[in-house]
Amino acid sequence: MTEERITETTTPTGDTHTTHTVITDGEGRSGGTNWGILLLVLIVAIVGIFFLTQMSGAEVAKDNAVAEAANEVGNAANEVGDAAQNAGEAVQDAVSN
């Protein structure tokens, strides 16, 4: 409900002043602001989920790279061990002859 009040006052010198006041009880508010806030929250949630999934994928890739490097180090250690064993056998054969 809307109420409109117009008040006229006259000063002792004869000047007239008019005050116009409109009083509303809040009816007719649209829900546009509520929809805007809801849409903003939804967009923030989607962006957050996207970044979390991307960071999770990066962690998996990093873990895989570390595991692969560890395997390569293990293979290199095996090769060094084999070379040392072959050298030891060669030295033993040379001393035996």
C-alpha atoms as a PDB file:
ATOM      1  CA  MET A   1       0.000   0.000   0.000  1.00  0.00           C
ATOM      2  CA  THR A   2       1.273   3.456  -0.877  1.00  0.00           C
ATOM      3  CA  GLU A   3       0.262   6.633   0.884  1.00  0.00           C
ATOM      4  CA  GLU A   4       1.040  10.095  -0.411  1.00  0.00           C
ATOM      5  CA  ARG A   5       1.076  13.112   1.902  1.00  0.00           C
ATOM      6  CA  ILE A   6       1.317  16.715   0.777  1.00  0.00           C
ATOM      7  CA  THR A   7       1.840  19.302   3.503  1.00  0.00           C
ATOM      8  CA  GLU A   8       1.706  23.030   2.895  1.00  0.00           C
ATOM      9  CA  THR A   9       3.023  25.476   5.448  1.00  0.00           C
ATOM     10  CA  THR A  10       2.869  29.237   5.298  1.00  0.00           C
ATOM     11  CA  THR A  11       5.413  31.389   7.075  1.00  0.00           C
ATOM     12  CA  PRO A  12       4.389  34.614   8.843  1.00  0.00           C
ATOM     13  CA  THR A  13       5.865  36.554   5.917  1.00  0.00           C
ATOM     14  CA  GLY A  14       3.477  34.821   3.539  1.00  0.00           C
ATOM     15  CA  ASP A  15       5.881  32.339   1.897  1.00  0.00           C
ATOM     16  CA  THR A  16       4.339  28.927   1.188  1.00  0.00           C
ATOM     17  CA  HIS A  17       6.381  25.734   1.446  1.00  0.00           C
ATOM     18  CA  THR A  18       5.126  22.388   0.175  1.00  0.00           C
ATOM     19  CA  THR A  19       6.411  19.035   1.425  1.00  0.00           C
ATOM     20  CA  HIS A  20       5.637  15.943  -0.612  1.00  0.00           C
ATOM     21  CA  THR A  21       6.020  12.586   1.235  1.00  0.00           C
ATOM     22  CA  VAL A  22       5.386   9.100  -0.177  1.00  0.00           C
ATOM     23  CA  ILE A  23       5.072   6.207   2.277  1.00  0.00           C
ATOM     24  CA  THR A  24       5.159   2.595   1.069  1.00  0.00           C
ATOM     25  CA  ASP A  25       4.953  -0.604   3.042  1.00  0.00           C
ATOM     26  CA  GLY A  26       7.436  -2.498   0.859  1.00  0.00           C
ATOM     27  CA  GLU A  27       5.039  -4.150  -1.571  1.00  0.00           C
ATOM     28  CA  GLY A  28       6.033  -4.550  -5.165  1.00  0.00           C
ATOM     29  CA  ARG A  29       9.681  -5.367  -4.560  1.00  0.00           C
ATOM     30  CA  SER A  30      10.992  -7.547  -7.299  1.00  0.00           C
ATOM     31  CA  GLY A  31      13.123 -10.602  -6.609  1.00  0.00           C
ATOM     32  CA  GLY A  32      15.760  -9.495  -9.120  1.00  0.00           C
ATOM     33  CA  THR A  33      18.322  -8.842  -6.424  1.00  0.00           C
ATOM     34  CA  ASN A  34      17.760 -12.261  -4.909  1.00  0.00           C
ATOM     35  CA  TRP A  35      18.191 -13.926  -8.296  1.00  0.00           C
ATOM     36  CA  GLY A  36      21.351 -11.934  -8.925  1.00  0.00           C
ATOM     37  CA  ILE A  37      22.897 -13.007  -5.631  1.00  0.00           C
ATOM     38  CA  LEU A  38      21.903 -16.618  -6.247  1.00  0.00           C
ATOM     39  CA  LEU A  39      23.457 -16.519  -9.716  1.00  0.00           C
ATOM     40  CA  LEU A  40      26.664 -15.003  -8.320  1.00  0.00           C
ATOM     41  CA  VAL A  41      26.938 -17.710  -5.643  1.00  0.00           C
ATOM     42  CA  LEU A  42      26.371 -20.399  -8.275  1.00  0.00           C
ATOM     43  CA  ILE A  43      29.112 -18.985 -10.523  1.00  0.00           C
ATOM     44  CA  VAL A  44      31.566 -18.796  -7.608  1.00  0.00           C
ATOM     45  CA  ALA A  45      30.783 -22.421  -6.696  1.00  0.00           C
ATOM     46  CA  ILE A  46      31.356 -23.608 -10.276  1.00  0.00           C
ATOM     47  CA  VAL A  47      34.669 -21.737 -10.541  1.00  0.00           C
ATOM     48  CA  GLY A  48      35.772 -23.153  -7.166  1.00  0.00           C
ATOM     49  CA  ILE A  49      34.979 -26.714  -8.218  1.00  0.00           C
ATOM     50  CA  PHE A  50      36.830 -26.200 -11.505  1.00  0.00           C
ATOM     51  CA  PHE A  51      39.995 -24.999  -9.752  1.00  0.00           C
ATOM     52  CA  LEU A  52      39.857 -27.795  -7.187  1.00  0.00           C
ATOM     53  CA  THR A  53      39.638 -30.433  -9.927  1.00  0.00           C
ATOM     54  CA  GLN A  54      42.515 -28.814 -11.821  1.00  0.00           C
ATOM     55  CA  MET A  55      44.706 -28.761  -8.711  1.00  0.00           C
ATOM     56  CA  SER A  56      43.869 -32.401  -8.028  1.00  0.00           C
ATOM     57  CA  GLY A  57      44.981 -33.342 -11.539  1.00  0.00           C
ATOM     58  CA  ALA A  58      48.238 -31.440 -11.047  1.00  0.00           C
ATOM     59  CA  GLU A  59      48.900 -33.337  -7.814  1.00  0.00           C
ATOM     60  CA  VAL A  60      48.368 -36.665  -9.582  1.00  0.00           C
ATOM     61  CA  ALA A  61      50.732 -35.641 -12.395  1.00  0.00           C
ATOM     62  CA  LYS A  62      53.368 -34.572  -9.862  1.00  0.00           C
ATOM     63  CA  ASP A  63      53.048 -37.839  -7.964  1.00  0.00           C
ATOM     64  CA  ASN A  64      53.392 -39.823 -11.200  1.00  0.00           C
ATOM     65  CA  ALA A  65      56.498 -37.857 -12.183  1.00  0.00           C
ATOM     66  CA  VAL A  66      58.116 -38.519  -8.794  1.00  0.00           C
ATOM     67  CA  ALA A  67      57.318 -42.230  -9.023  1.00  0.00           C
ATOM     68  CA  GLU A  68      58.764 -42.417 -12.540  1.00  0.00           C
ATOM     69  CA  ALA A  69      61.951 -40.653 -11.431  1.00  0.00           C
ATOM     70  CA  ALA A  70      62.283 -43.066  -8.521  1.00  0.00           C
ATOM     71  CA  ASN A  71      61.971 -46.019 -10.908  1.00  0.00           C
ATOM     72  CA  GLU A  72      64.655 -44.547 -13.157  1.00  0.00           C
ATOM     73  CA  VAL A  73      66.993 -44.099 -10.188  1.00  0.00           C
ATOM     74  CA  GLY A  74      66.332 -47.706  -9.171  1.00  0.00           C
ATOM     75  CA  ASN A  75      67.113 -48.921 -12.688  1.00  0.00           C
ATOM     76  CA  ALA A  76      70.338 -46.900 -12.758  1.00  0.00           C
ATOM     77  CA  ALA A  77      71.371 -48.382  -9.406  1.00  0.00           C
ATOM     78  CA  ASN A  78      70.767 -51.893 -10.757  1.00  0.00           C
ATOM     79  CA  GLU A  79      72.926 -51.134 -13.790  1.00  0.00           C
ATOM     80  CA  VAL A  80      75.729 -49.831 -11.576  1.00  0.00           C
ATOM     81  CA  GLY A  81      75.468 -52.967  -9.442  1.00  0.00           C
ATOM     82  CA  ASP A  82      75.647 -55.179 -12.532  1.00  0.00           C
ATOM     83  CA  ALA A  83      78.666 -53.268 -13.837  1.00  0.00           C
ATOM     84  CA  ALA A  84      80.430 -53.605 -10.487  1.00  0.00           C
ATOM     85  CA  GLN A  85      79.726 -57.313 -10.423  1.00  0.00           C
ATOM     86  CA  ASN A  86      81.071 -57.735 -13.965  1.00  0.00           C
ATOM     87  CA  ALA A  87      84.183 -55.763 -13.045  1.00  0.00           C
ATOM     88  CA  GLY A  88      84.682 -57.924  -9.959  1.00  0.00           C
ATOM     89  CA  GLU A  89      84.369 -61.076 -12.046  1.00  0.00           C
ATOM     90  CA  ALA A  90      86.827 -59.694 -14.597  1.00  0.00           C
ATOM     91  CA  VAL A  91      89.343 -58.917 -11.859  1.00  0.00           C
ATOM     92  CA  GLN A  92      88.884 -62.379 -10.357  1.00  0.00           C
ATOM     93  CA  ASP A  93      89.368 -64.034 -13.765  1.00  0.00           C
ATOM     94  CA  ALA A  94      92.526 -61.937 -14.369  1.00  0.00           C
ATOM     95  CA  VAL A  95      93.995 -62.878 -10.994  1.00  0.00           C
ATOM     96  CA  SER A  96      93.132 -66.571 -11.477  1.00  0.00           C
ATOM     97  CA  ASN A  97      94.931 -66.788 -14.822  1.00  0.00           C
END
